[in-house]
Amino acid sequence: MFFLNAQLKSGVETFFNLVDIESKIKRADLVITGEGKIDSQSKFGKVVYSLKEKCGSKNFVAFCGVNNSKENAFEIVSINDENLSLEENIKNTEINLRKNLQKYLKKYLKN
């Protein structure tokens, strides 16, 4: 950093600036994101927590494969089928996501 006169910047903040995330959030009624696994360590650097912070009080939901979070910082929907192995769930990710997203949106639109 000294020799190149460089600055250390957050990767997530750089990405959010590049895609102008704040203007997109302002126009949204609901923000949907995804993550492979959400657990107690996720709040220390995963994009999902940074995005929720940017969203403030906006409606926000995160879809994930595995939810091991003990917190209720935001709504989390695990898409994995508990009756299937991890390998089978990975093979069926698209189907599981579509099924759970449809179910979530039906519930969301009723409110």
PDB file of N, CA and C in Angstrom:
ATOM      1  N   MET A   1       0.830  -1.189   0.000  1.00  0.00           N
ATOM      2  CA  MET A   1       0.000   0.000   0.000  1.00  0.00           C
ATOM      3  C   MET A   1       0.875   1.254   0.000  1.00  0.00           C
ATOM      4  N   PHE A   2       1.984   1.180   0.707  1.00  0.00           N
ATOM      5  CA  PHE A   2       2.867   2.334   0.799  1.00  0.00           C
ATOM      6  C   PHE A   2       3.514   2.654  -0.550  1.00  0.00           C
ATOM      7  N   PHE A   3       4.075   1.649  -1.215  1.00  0.00           N
ATOM      8  CA  PHE A   3       4.805   1.878  -2.458  1.00  0.00           C
ATOM      9  C   PHE A   3       3.892   2.236  -3.629  1.00  0.00           C
ATOM     10  N   LEU A   4       2.681   1.724  -3.617  1.00  0.00           N
ATOM     11  CA  LEU A   4       1.756   1.979  -4.725  1.00  0.00           C
ATOM     12  C   LEU A   4       0.725   3.053  -4.409  1.00  0.00           C
ATOM     13  N   ASN A   5       0.814   3.625  -3.203  1.00  0.00           N
ATOM     14  CA  ASN A   5      -0.149   4.626  -2.773  1.00  0.00           C
ATOM     15  C   ASN A   5      -1.584   4.086  -2.889  1.00  0.00           C
ATOM     16  N   ALA A   6      -1.759   2.821  -2.485  1.00  0.00           N
ATOM     17  CA  ALA A   6      -3.053   2.158  -2.596  1.00  0.00           C
ATOM     18  C   ALA A   6      -3.872   2.341  -1.328  1.00  0.00           C
ATOM     19  N   GLN A   7      -5.158   2.101  -1.448  1.00  0.00           N
ATOM     20  CA  GLN A   7      -6.063   2.164  -0.305  1.00  0.00           C
ATOM     21  C   GLN A   7      -6.723   0.807  -0.122  1.00  0.00           C
ATOM     22  N   LEU A   8      -6.882   0.403   1.114  1.00  0.00           N
ATOM     23  CA  LEU A   8      -7.576  -0.835   1.436  1.00  0.00           C
ATOM     24  C   LEU A   8      -9.066  -0.531   1.496  1.00  0.00           C
ATOM     25  N   LYS A   9      -9.866  -1.271   0.694  1.00  0.00           N
ATOM     26  CA  LYS A   9     -11.307  -1.032   0.645  1.00  0.00           C
ATOM     27  C   LYS A   9     -12.052  -2.332   0.856  1.00  0.00           C
ATOM     28  N   SER A  10     -13.227  -2.209   1.412  1.00  0.00           N
ATOM     29  CA  SER A  10     -14.093  -3.364   1.608  1.00  0.00           C
ATOM     30  C   SER A  10     -14.574  -3.886   0.262  1.00  0.00           C
ATOM     31  N   GLY A  11     -14.467  -5.202   0.054  1.00  0.00           N
ATOM     32  CA  GLY A  11     -14.929  -5.796  -1.201  1.00  0.00           C
ATOM     33  C   GLY A  11     -16.418  -5.633  -1.401  1.00  0.00           C
ATOM     34  N   VAL A  12     -17.194  -5.863  -0.343  1.00  0.00           N
ATOM     35  CA  VAL A  12     -18.647  -5.759  -0.464  1.00  0.00           C
ATOM     36  C   VAL A  12     -19.070  -4.312  -0.736  1.00  0.00           C
ATOM     37  N   GLU A  13     -18.442  -3.358  -0.076  1.00  0.00           N
ATOM     38  CA  GLU A  13     -18.782  -1.951  -0.322  1.00  0.00           C
ATOM     39  C   GLU A  13     -18.395  -1.534  -1.738  1.00  0.00           C
ATOM     40  N   THR A  14     -17.261  -2.014  -2.225  1.00  0.00           N
ATOM     41  CA  THR A  14     -16.855  -1.726  -3.596  1.00  0.00           C
ATOM     42  C   THR A  14     -17.878  -2.281  -4.576  1.00  0.00           C
ATOM     43  N   PHE A  15     -18.305  -3.517  -4.354  1.00  0.00           N
ATOM     44  CA  PHE A  15     -19.316  -4.131  -5.210  1.00  0.00           C
ATOM     45  C   PHE A  15     -20.634  -3.358  -5.142  1.00  0.00           C
ATOM     46  N   PHE A  16     -21.086  -3.024  -3.941  1.00  0.00           N
ATOM     47  CA  PHE A  16     -22.339  -2.271  -3.792  1.00  0.00           C
ATOM     48  C   PHE A  16     -22.269  -0.940  -4.541  1.00  0.00           C
ATOM     49  N   ASN A  17     -21.125  -0.278  -4.489  1.00  0.00           N
ATOM     50  CA  ASN A  17     -20.966   0.984  -5.221  1.00  0.00           C
ATOM     51  C   ASN A  17     -21.000   0.762  -6.728  1.00  0.00           C
ATOM     52  N   LEU A  18     -20.344  -0.305  -7.187  1.00  0.00           N
ATOM     53  CA  LEU A  18     -20.307  -0.588  -8.629  1.00  0.00           C
ATOM     54  C   LEU A  18     -21.697  -0.841  -9.209  1.00  0.00           C
ATOM     55  N   VAL A  19     -22.555  -1.516  -8.445  1.00  0.00           N
ATOM     56  CA  VAL A  19     -23.893  -1.839  -8.957  1.00  0.00           C
ATOM     57  C   VAL A  19     -24.952  -0.831  -8.501  1.00  0.00           C
ATOM     58  N   ASP A  20     -24.525   0.205  -7.788  1.00  0.00           N
ATOM     59  CA  ASP A  20     -25.430   1.243  -7.276  1.00  0.00           C
ATOM     60  C   ASP A  20     -26.581   0.615  -6.488  1.00  0.00           C
ATOM     61  N   ILE A  21     -26.223  -0.191  -5.510  1.00  0.00           N
ATOM     62  CA  ILE A  21     -27.192  -0.972  -4.747  1.00  0.00           C
ATOM     63  C   ILE A  21     -28.210  -0.093  -4.020  1.00  0.00           C
ATOM     64  N   GLU A  22     -27.809   1.065  -3.543  1.00  0.00           N
ATOM     65  CA  GLU A  22     -28.735   1.917  -2.786  1.00  0.00           C
ATOM     66  C   GLU A  22     -29.919   2.375  -3.629  1.00  0.00           C
ATOM     67  N   SER A  23     -29.689   2.717  -4.893  1.00  0.00           N
ATOM     68  CA  SER A  23     -30.812   3.136  -5.735  1.00  0.00           C
ATOM     69  C   SER A  23     -31.732   1.956  -6.048  1.00  0.00           C
ATOM     70  N   LYS A  24     -31.170   0.776  -6.166  1.00  0.00           N
ATOM     71  CA  LYS A  24     -31.983  -0.421  -6.414  1.00  0.00           C
ATOM     72  C   LYS A  24     -32.829  -0.763  -5.188  1.00  0.00           C
ATOM     73  N   ILE A  25     -32.247  -0.629  -4.014  1.00  0.00           N
ATOM     74  CA  ILE A  25     -32.983  -0.894  -2.780  1.00  0.00           C
ATOM     75  C   ILE A  25     -34.127   0.102  -2.612  1.00  0.00           C
ATOM     76  N   LYS A  26     -33.879   1.359  -2.911  1.00  0.00           N
ATOM     77  CA  LYS A  26     -34.928   2.383  -2.782  1.00  0.00           C
ATOM     78  C   LYS A  26     -36.148   2.048  -3.628  1.00  0.00           C
ATOM     79  N   ARG A  27     -35.946   1.452  -4.801  1.00  0.00           N
ATOM     80  CA  ARG A  27     -37.059   1.132  -5.711  1.00  0.00           C
ATOM     81  C   ARG A  27     -37.747  -0.189  -5.365  1.00  0.00           C
ATOM     82  N   ALA A  28     -37.177  -0.954  -4.462  1.00  0.00           N
ATOM     83  CA  ALA A  28     -37.682  -2.299  -4.175  1.00  0.00           C
ATOM     84  C   ALA A  28     -38.709  -2.308  -3.046  1.00  0.00           C
ATOM     85  N   ASP A  29     -39.707  -3.179  -3.195  1.00  0.00           N
ATOM     86  CA  ASP A  29     -40.644  -3.453  -2.102  1.00  0.00           C
ATOM     87  C   ASP A  29     -40.132  -4.606  -1.252  1.00  0.00           C
ATOM     88  N   LEU A  30     -39.391  -5.505  -1.872  1.00  0.00           N
ATOM     89  CA  LEU A  30     -38.864  -6.691  -1.219  1.00  0.00           C
ATOM     90  C   LEU A  30     -37.475  -6.974  -1.781  1.00  0.00           C
ATOM     91  N   VAL A  31     -36.525  -7.218  -0.894  1.00  0.00           N
ATOM     92  CA  VAL A  31     -35.172  -7.557  -1.317  1.00  0.00           C
ATOM     93  C   VAL A  31     -34.955  -9.039  -0.997  1.00  0.00           C
ATOM     94  N   ILE A  32     -34.584  -9.800  -2.023  1.00  0.00           N
ATOM     95  CA  ILE A  32     -34.350 -11.239  -1.888  1.00  0.00           C
ATOM     96  C   ILE A  32     -32.888 -11.511  -2.194  1.00  0.00           C
ATOM     97  N   THR A  33     -32.249 -12.280  -1.333  1.00  0.00           N
ATOM     98  CA  THR A  33     -30.856 -12.647  -1.550  1.00  0.00           C
ATOM     99  C   THR A  33     -30.671 -14.126  -1.238  1.00  0.00           C
ATOM    100  N   GLY A  34     -29.495 -14.628  -1.492  1.00  0.00           N
ATOM    101  CA  GLY A  34     -29.222 -16.031  -1.235  1.00  0.00           C
ATOM    102  C   GLY A  34     -27.834 -16.247  -0.677  1.00  0.00           C
ATOM    103  N   GLU A  35     -27.694 -17.361   0.007  1.00  0.00           N
ATOM    104  CA  GLU A  35     -26.422 -17.725   0.614  1.00  0.00           C
ATOM    105  C   GLU A  35     -26.410 -19.238   0.755  1.00  0.00           C
ATOM    106  N   GLY A  36     -25.263 -19.846   0.641  1.00  0.00           N
ATOM    107  CA  GLY A  36     -25.177 -21.295   0.799  1.00  0.00           C
ATOM    108  C   GLY A  36     -25.512 -21.736   2.211  1.00  0.00           C
ATOM    109  N   LYS A  37     -24.859 -21.097   3.180  1.00  0.00           N
ATOM    110  CA  LYS A  37     -25.065 -21.453   4.586  1.00  0.00           C
ATOM    111  C   LYS A  37     -25.061 -20.173   5.415  1.00  0.00           C
ATOM    112  N   ILE A  38     -26.029 -20.055   6.301  1.00  0.00           N
ATOM    113  CA  ILE A  38     -26.078 -18.929   7.228  1.00  0.00           C
ATOM    114  C   ILE A  38     -25.932 -19.500   8.629  1.00  0.00           C
ATOM    115  N   ASP A  39     -24.930 -18.963   9.360  1.00  0.00           N
ATOM    116  CA  ASP A  39     -24.694 -19.429  10.725  1.00  0.00           C
ATOM    117  C   ASP A  39     -24.205 -18.258  11.568  1.00  0.00           C
ATOM    118  N   SER A  40     -23.747 -18.540  12.779  1.00  0.00           N
ATOM    119  CA  SER A  40     -23.328 -17.476  13.697  1.00  0.00           C
ATOM    120  C   SER A  40     -22.137 -16.679  13.169  1.00  0.00           C
ATOM    121  N   GLN A  41     -21.355 -17.243  12.271  1.00  0.00           N
ATOM    122  CA  GLN A  41     -20.191 -16.544  11.720  1.00  0.00           C
ATOM    123  C   GLN A  41     -20.545 -15.648  10.523  1.00  0.00           C
ATOM    124  N   SER A  42     -21.738 -15.817   9.978  1.00  0.00           N
ATOM    125  CA  SER A  42     -22.129 -15.088   8.762  1.00  0.00           C
ATOM    126  C   SER A  42     -22.130 -13.584   8.948  1.00  0.00           C
ATOM    127  N   LYS A  43     -22.430 -13.129  10.157  1.00  0.00           N
ATOM    128  CA  LYS A  43     -22.489 -11.678  10.382  1.00  0.00           C
ATOM    129  C   LYS A  43     -21.116 -11.021  10.361  1.00  0.00           C
ATOM    130  N   PHE A  44     -20.069 -11.822  10.301  1.00  0.00           N
ATOM    131  CA  PHE A  44     -18.713 -11.292  10.282  1.00  0.00           C
ATOM    132  C   PHE A  44     -18.113 -11.324   8.884  1.00  0.00           C
ATOM    133  N   GLY A  45     -18.847 -10.795   7.906  1.00  0.00           N
ATOM    134  CA  GLY A  45     -18.250 -10.637   6.592  1.00  0.00           C
ATOM    135  C   GLY A  45     -19.024 -11.189   5.414  1.00  0.00           C
ATOM    136  N   LYS A  46     -20.095 -11.944   5.633  1.00  0.00           N
ATOM    137  CA  LYS A  46     -20.852 -12.428   4.482  1.00  0.00           C
ATOM    138  C   LYS A  46     -21.725 -11.308   3.931  1.00  0.00           C
ATOM    139  N   VAL A  47     -21.902 -11.314   2.638  1.00  0.00           N
ATOM    140  CA  VAL A  47     -22.636 -10.261   1.941  1.00  0.00           C
ATOM    141  C   VAL A  47     -24.064 -10.127   2.457  1.00  0.00           C
ATOM    142  N   VAL A  48     -24.687 -11.243   2.835  1.00  0.00           N
ATOM    143  CA  VAL A  48     -26.087 -11.216   3.243  1.00  0.00           C
ATOM    144  C   VAL A  48     -26.316 -10.237   4.404  1.00  0.00           C
ATOM    145  N   TYR A  49     -25.440 -10.185   5.373  1.00  0.00           N
ATOM    146  CA  TYR A  49     -25.602  -9.265   6.498  1.00  0.00           C
ATOM    147  C   TYR A  49     -25.341  -7.817   6.085  1.00  0.00           C
ATOM    148  N   SER A  50     -24.371  -7.595   5.222  1.00  0.00           N
ATOM    149  CA  SER A  50     -24.108  -6.242   4.728  1.00  0.00           C
ATOM    150  C   SER A  50     -25.285  -5.729   3.911  1.00  0.00           C
ATOM    151  N   LEU A  51     -25.874  -6.610   3.115  1.00  0.00           N
ATOM    152  CA  LEU A  51     -27.025  -6.216   2.313  1.00  0.00           C
ATOM    153  C   LEU A  51     -28.220  -5.887   3.206  1.00  0.00           C
ATOM    154  N   LYS A  52     -28.464  -6.706   4.219  1.00  0.00           N
ATOM    155  CA  LYS A  52     -29.560  -6.427   5.150  1.00  0.00           C
ATOM    156  C   LYS A  52     -29.359  -5.082   5.810  1.00  0.00           C
ATOM    157  N   GLU A  53     -28.139  -4.778   6.201  1.00  0.00           N
ATOM    158  CA  GLU A  53     -27.837  -3.492   6.825  1.00  0.00           C
ATOM    159  C   GLU A  53     -28.170  -2.340   5.878  1.00  0.00           C
ATOM    160  N   LYS A  54     -27.822  -2.486   4.601  1.00  0.00           N
ATOM    161  CA  LYS A  54     -28.128  -1.457   3.605  1.00  0.00           C
ATOM    162  C   LYS A  54     -29.633  -1.293   3.424  1.00  0.00           C
ATOM    163  N   CYS A  55     -30.377  -2.377   3.586  1.00  0.00           N
ATOM    164  CA  CYS A  55     -31.824  -2.357   3.356  1.00  0.00           C
ATOM    165  C   CYS A  55     -32.601  -1.699   4.489  1.00  0.00           C
ATOM    166  N   GLY A  56     -31.998  -1.600   5.650  1.00  0.00           N
ATOM    167  CA  GLY A  56     -32.681  -0.984   6.781  1.00  0.00           C
ATOM    168  C   GLY A  56     -33.981  -1.711   7.093  1.00  0.00           C
ATOM    169  N   SER A  57     -35.094  -0.977   7.048  1.00  0.00           N
ATOM    170  CA  SER A  57     -36.398  -1.555   7.401  1.00  0.00           C
ATOM    171  C   SER A  57     -37.149  -2.139   6.198  1.00  0.00           C
ATOM    172  N   LYS A  58     -36.528  -2.158   5.042  1.00  0.00           N
ATOM    173  CA  LYS A  58     -37.163  -2.768   3.862  1.00  0.00           C
ATOM    174  C   LYS A  58     -37.454  -4.239   4.120  1.00  0.00           C
ATOM    175  N   ASN A  59     -38.475  -4.765   3.460  1.00  0.00           N
ATOM    176  CA  ASN A  59     -38.755  -6.195   3.526  1.00  0.00           C
ATOM    177  C   ASN A  59     -37.560  -6.932   2.934  1.00  0.00           C
ATOM    178  N   PHE A  60     -37.061  -7.921   3.656  1.00  0.00           N
ATOM    179  CA  PHE A  60     -35.812  -8.589   3.297  1.00  0.00           C
ATOM    180  C   PHE A  60     -35.913 -10.060   3.660  1.00  0.00           C
ATOM    181  N   VAL A  61     -35.523 -10.924   2.731  1.00  0.00           N
ATOM    182  CA  VAL A  61     -35.492 -12.363   3.000  1.00  0.00           C
ATOM    183  C   VAL A  61     -34.251 -12.960   2.346  1.00  0.00           C
ATOM    184  N   ALA A  62     -33.651 -13.904   3.058  1.00  0.00           N
ATOM    185  CA  ALA A  62     -32.490 -14.619   2.533  1.00  0.00           C
ATOM    186  C   ALA A  62     -32.850 -16.089   2.383  1.00  0.00           C
ATOM    187  N   PHE A  63     -32.648 -16.630   1.193  1.00  0.00           N
ATOM    188  CA  PHE A  63     -32.827 -18.055   0.939  1.00  0.00           C
ATOM    189  C   PHE A  63     -31.459 -18.706   1.057  1.00  0.00           C
ATOM    190  N   CYS A  64     -31.408 -19.853   1.692  1.00  0.00           N
ATOM    191  CA  CYS A  64     -30.127 -20.524   1.857  1.00  0.00           C
ATOM    192  C   CYS A  64     -30.309 -22.028   1.806  1.00  0.00           C
ATOM    193  N   GLY A  65     -29.199 -22.720   1.621  1.00  0.00           N
ATOM    194  CA  GLY A  65     -29.230 -24.165   1.671  1.00  0.00           C
ATOM    195  C   GLY A  65     -29.333 -24.645   3.104  1.00  0.00           C
ATOM    196  N   VAL A  66     -28.509 -24.090   3.968  1.00  0.00           N
ATOM    197  CA  VAL A  66     -28.470 -24.502   5.370  1.00  0.00           C
ATOM    198  C   VAL A  66     -28.597 -23.271   6.256  1.00  0.00           C
ATOM    199  N   ASN A  67     -29.516 -23.318   7.200  1.00  0.00           N
ATOM    200  CA  ASN A  67     -29.691 -22.235   8.166  1.00  0.00           C
ATOM    201  C   ASN A  67     -29.344 -22.758   9.555  1.00  0.00           C
ATOM    202  N   ASN A  68     -28.166 -22.395  10.030  1.00  0.00           N
ATOM    203  CA  ASN A  68     -27.749 -22.752  11.381  1.00  0.00           C
ATOM    204  C   ASN A  68     -27.689 -21.519  12.274  1.00  0.00           C
ATOM    205  N   SER A  69     -28.350 -20.438  11.854  1.00  0.00           N
ATOM    206  CA  SER A  69     -28.338 -19.205  12.621  1.00  0.00           C
ATOM    207  C   SER A  69     -29.302 -19.310  13.789  1.00  0.00           C
ATOM    208  N   LYS A  70     -28.865 -18.829  14.932  1.00  0.00           N
ATOM    209  CA  LYS A  70     -29.715 -18.806  16.130  1.00  0.00           C
ATOM    210  C   LYS A  70     -30.373 -17.431  16.297  1.00  0.00           C
ATOM    211  N   GLU A  71     -29.989 -16.486  15.462  1.00  0.00           N
ATOM    212  CA  GLU A  71     -30.496 -15.116  15.564  1.00  0.00           C
ATOM    213  C   GLU A  71     -31.696 -14.908  14.641  1.00  0.00           C
ATOM    214  N   ASN A  72     -32.457 -13.890  14.927  1.00  0.00           N
ATOM    215  CA  ASN A  72     -33.582 -13.506  14.078  1.00  0.00           C
ATOM    216  C   ASN A  72     -33.353 -12.099  13.526  1.00  0.00           C
ATOM    217  N   ALA A  73     -32.175 -11.873  12.980  1.00  0.00           N
ATOM    218  CA  ALA A  73     -31.833 -10.560  12.455  1.00  0.00           C
ATOM    219  C   ALA A  73     -32.650 -10.217  11.211  1.00  0.00           C
ATOM    220  N   PHE A  74     -33.118 -11.244  10.500  1.00  0.00           N
ATOM    221  CA  PHE A  74     -33.935 -11.082   9.310  1.00  0.00           C
ATOM    222  C   PHE A  74     -34.562 -12.429   8.981  1.00  0.00           C
ATOM    223  N   GLU A  75     -35.478 -12.422   8.034  1.00  0.00           N
ATOM    224  CA  GLU A  75     -36.153 -13.667   7.667  1.00  0.00           C
ATOM    225  C   GLU A  75     -35.227 -14.543   6.821  1.00  0.00           C
ATOM    226  N   ILE A  76     -35.137 -15.813   7.195  1.00  0.00           N
ATOM    227  CA  ILE A  76     -34.291 -16.777   6.495  1.00  0.00           C
ATOM    228  C   ILE A  76     -35.143 -17.979   6.123  1.00  0.00           C
ATOM    229  N   VAL A  77     -35.049 -18.400   4.854  1.00  0.00           N
ATOM    230  CA  VAL A  77     -35.765 -19.580   4.378  1.00  0.00           C
ATOM    231  C   VAL A  77     -34.741 -20.600   3.894  1.00  0.00           C
ATOM    232  N   SER A  78     -34.709 -21.745   4.569  1.00  0.00           N
ATOM    233  CA  SER A  78     -33.832 -22.832   4.130  1.00  0.00           C
ATOM    234  C   SER A  78     -34.550 -23.611   3.033  1.00  0.00           C
ATOM    235  N   ILE A  79     -33.875 -23.820   1.917  1.00  0.00           N
ATOM    236  CA  ILE A  79     -34.525 -24.483   0.778  1.00  0.00           C
ATOM    237  C   ILE A  79     -34.286 -25.983   0.753  1.00  0.00           C
ATOM    238  N   ASN A  80     -33.340 -26.473   1.543  1.00  0.00           N
ATOM    239  CA  ASN A  80     -33.029 -27.906   1.508  1.00  0.00           C
ATOM    240  C   ASN A  80     -34.179 -28.751   2.039  1.00  0.00           C
ATOM    241  N   ASP A  81     -34.388 -29.889   1.421  1.00  0.00           N
ATOM    242  CA  ASP A  81     -35.379 -30.867   1.857  1.00  0.00           C
ATOM    243  C   ASP A  81     -34.719 -31.729   2.927  1.00  0.00           C
ATOM    244  N   GLU A  82     -35.278 -31.724   4.128  1.00  0.00           N
ATOM    245  CA  GLU A  82     -34.673 -32.458   5.247  1.00  0.00           C
ATOM    246  C   GLU A  82     -34.638 -33.966   5.016  1.00  0.00           C
ATOM    247  N   ASN A  83     -35.464 -34.459   4.093  1.00  0.00           N
ATOM    248  CA  ASN A  83     -35.516 -35.897   3.813  1.00  0.00           C
ATOM    249  C   ASN A  83     -34.457 -36.351   2.813  1.00  0.00           C
ATOM    250  N   LEU A  84     -33.688 -35.395   2.268  1.00  0.00           N
ATOM    251  CA  LEU A  84     -32.669 -35.726   1.273  1.00  0.00           C
ATOM    252  C   LEU A  84     -31.275 -35.498   1.826  1.00  0.00           C
ATOM    253  N   SER A  85     -30.315 -36.211   1.271  1.00  0.00           N
ATOM    254  CA  SER A  85     -28.915 -36.005   1.650  1.00  0.00           C
ATOM    255  C   SER A  85     -28.436 -34.667   1.088  1.00  0.00           C
ATOM    256  N   LEU A  86     -27.307 -34.213   1.600  1.00  0.00           N
ATOM    257  CA  LEU A  86     -26.721 -32.973   1.086  1.00  0.00           C
ATOM    258  C   LEU A  86     -26.464 -33.091  -0.406  1.00  0.00           C
ATOM    259  N   GLU A  87     -25.937 -34.228  -0.834  1.00  0.00           N
ATOM    260  CA  GLU A  87     -25.657 -34.448  -2.259  1.00  0.00           C
ATOM    261  C   GLU A  87     -26.932 -34.323  -3.102  1.00  0.00           C
ATOM    262  N   GLU A  88     -28.023 -34.935  -2.639  1.00  0.00           N
ATOM    263  CA  GLU A  88     -29.303 -34.849  -3.359  1.00  0.00           C
ATOM    264  C   GLU A  88     -29.836 -33.419  -3.352  1.00  0.00           C
ATOM    265  N   ASN A  89     -29.712 -32.736  -2.231  1.00  0.00           N
ATOM    266  CA  ASN A  89     -30.166 -31.347  -2.168  1.00  0.00           C
ATOM    267  C   ASN A  89     -29.381 -30.468  -3.125  1.00  0.00           C
ATOM    268  N   ILE A  90     -28.081 -30.701  -3.221  1.00  0.00           N
ATOM    269  CA  ILE A  90     -27.264 -29.917  -4.154  1.00  0.00           C
ATOM    270  C   ILE A  90     -27.721 -30.172  -5.585  1.00  0.00           C
ATOM    271  N   LYS A  91     -27.996 -31.421  -5.924  1.00  0.00           N
ATOM    272  CA  LYS A  91     -28.493 -31.752  -7.262  1.00  0.00           C
ATOM    273  C   LYS A  91     -29.831 -31.080  -7.540  1.00  0.00           C
ATOM    274  N   ASN A  92     -30.638 -30.895  -6.491  1.00  0.00           N
ATOM    275  CA  ASN A  92     -31.990 -30.353  -6.642  1.00  0.00           C
ATOM    276  C   ASN A  92     -32.107 -28.888  -6.231  1.00  0.00           C
ATOM    277  N   THR A  93     -31.010 -28.170  -6.207  1.00  0.00           N
ATOM    278  CA  THR A  93     -31.025 -26.785  -5.748  1.00  0.00           C
ATOM    279  C   THR A  93     -32.046 -25.938  -6.498  1.00  0.00           C
ATOM    280  N   GLU A  94     -32.053 -26.020  -7.817  1.00  0.00           N
ATOM    281  CA  GLU A  94     -32.981 -25.187  -8.592  1.00  0.00           C
ATOM    282  C   GLU A  94     -34.427 -25.521  -8.247  1.00  0.00           C
ATOM    283  N   ILE A  95     -34.754 -26.787  -8.187  1.00  0.00           N
ATOM    284  CA  ILE A  95     -36.120 -27.219  -7.857  1.00  0.00           C
ATOM    285  C   ILE A  95     -36.488 -26.759  -6.447  1.00  0.00           C
ATOM    286  N   ASN A  96     -35.584 -26.982  -5.486  1.00  0.00           N
ATOM    287  CA  ASN A  96     -35.843 -26.586  -4.104  1.00  0.00           C
ATOM    288  C   ASN A  96     -36.031 -25.079  -3.976  1.00  0.00           C
ATOM    289  N   LEU A  97     -35.209 -24.310  -4.684  1.00  0.00           N
ATOM    290  CA  LEU A  97     -35.325 -22.855  -4.632  1.00  0.00           C
ATOM    291  C   LEU A  97     -36.641 -22.406  -5.230  1.00  0.00           C
ATOM    292  N   ARG A  98     -36.988 -22.905  -6.399  1.00  0.00           N
ATOM    293  CA  ARG A  98     -38.252 -22.515  -7.036  1.00  0.00           C
ATOM    294  C   ARG A  98     -39.447 -22.818  -6.133  1.00  0.00           C
ATOM    295  N   LYS A  99     -39.467 -24.020  -5.566  1.00  0.00           N
ATOM    296  CA  LYS A  99     -40.571 -24.446  -4.706  1.00  0.00           C
ATOM    297  C   LYS A  99     -40.700 -23.528  -3.489  1.00  0.00           C
ATOM    298  N   ASN A 100     -39.589 -23.262  -2.831  1.00  0.00           N
ATOM    299  CA  ASN A 100     -39.610 -22.437  -1.624  1.00  0.00           C
ATOM    300  C   ASN A 100     -39.855 -20.966  -1.929  1.00  0.00           C
ATOM    301  N   LEU A 101     -39.361 -20.479  -3.047  1.00  0.00           N
ATOM    302  CA  LEU A 101     -39.611 -19.099  -3.446  1.00  0.00           C
ATOM    303  C   LEU A 101     -41.087 -18.893  -3.763  1.00  0.00           C
ATOM    304  N   GLN A 102     -41.691 -19.824  -4.495  1.00  0.00           N
ATOM    305  CA  GLN A 102     -43.124 -19.727  -4.789  1.00  0.00           C
ATOM    306  C   GLN A 102     -43.949 -19.728  -3.509  1.00  0.00           C
ATOM    307  N   LYS A 103     -43.617 -20.622  -2.594  1.00  0.00           N
ATOM    308  CA  LYS A 103     -44.335 -20.710  -1.321  1.00  0.00           C
ATOM    309  C   LYS A 103     -44.184 -19.403  -0.531  1.00  0.00           C
ATOM    310  N   TYR A 104     -42.964 -18.866  -0.491  1.00  0.00           N
ATOM    311  CA  TYR A 104     -42.713 -17.627   0.233  1.00  0.00           C
ATOM    312  C   TYR A 104     -43.487 -16.454  -0.387  1.00  0.00           C
ATOM    313  N   LEU A 105     -43.431 -16.344  -1.717  1.00  0.00           N
ATOM    314  CA  LEU A 105     -44.091 -15.211  -2.374  1.00  0.00           C
ATOM    315  C   LEU A 105     -45.607 -15.264  -2.232  1.00  0.00           C
ATOM    316  N   LYS A 106     -46.196 -16.439  -2.246  1.00  0.00           N
ATOM    317  CA  LYS A 106     -47.647 -16.568  -2.000  1.00  0.00           C
ATOM    318  C   LYS A 106     -47.989 -16.019  -0.625  1.00  0.00           C
ATOM    319  N   LYS A 107     -47.197 -16.392   0.374  1.00  0.00           N
ATOM    320  CA  LYS A 107     -47.402 -15.896   1.748  1.00  0.00           C
ATOM    321  C   LYS A 107     -47.175 -14.387   1.814  1.00  0.00           C
ATOM    322  N   TYR A 108     -46.101 -13.920   1.187  1.00  0.00           N
ATOM    323  CA  TYR A 108     -45.750 -12.486   1.212  1.00  0.00           C
ATOM    324  C   TYR A 108     -46.840 -11.637   0.558  1.00  0.00           C
ATOM    325  N   LEU A 109     -47.357 -12.096  -0.573  1.00  0.00           N
ATOM    326  CA  LEU A 109     -48.351 -11.306  -1.309  1.00  0.00           C
ATOM    327  C   LEU A 109     -49.708 -11.275  -0.619  1.00  0.00           C
ATOM    328  N   LYS A 110     -49.991 -12.249   0.243  1.00  0.00           N
ATOM    329  CA  LYS A 110     -51.235 -12.236   1.006  1.00  0.00           C
ATOM    330  C   LYS A 110     -51.225 -11.139   2.069  1.00  0.00           C
ATOM    331  N   ASN A 111     -50.029 -10.781   2.536  1.00  0.00           N
ATOM    332  CA  ASN A 111     -49.911  -9.760   3.602  1.00  0.00           C
ATOM    333  C   ASN A 111     -49.909  -8.386   3.044  1.00  0.00           C
TER     334      ASN A 111
END
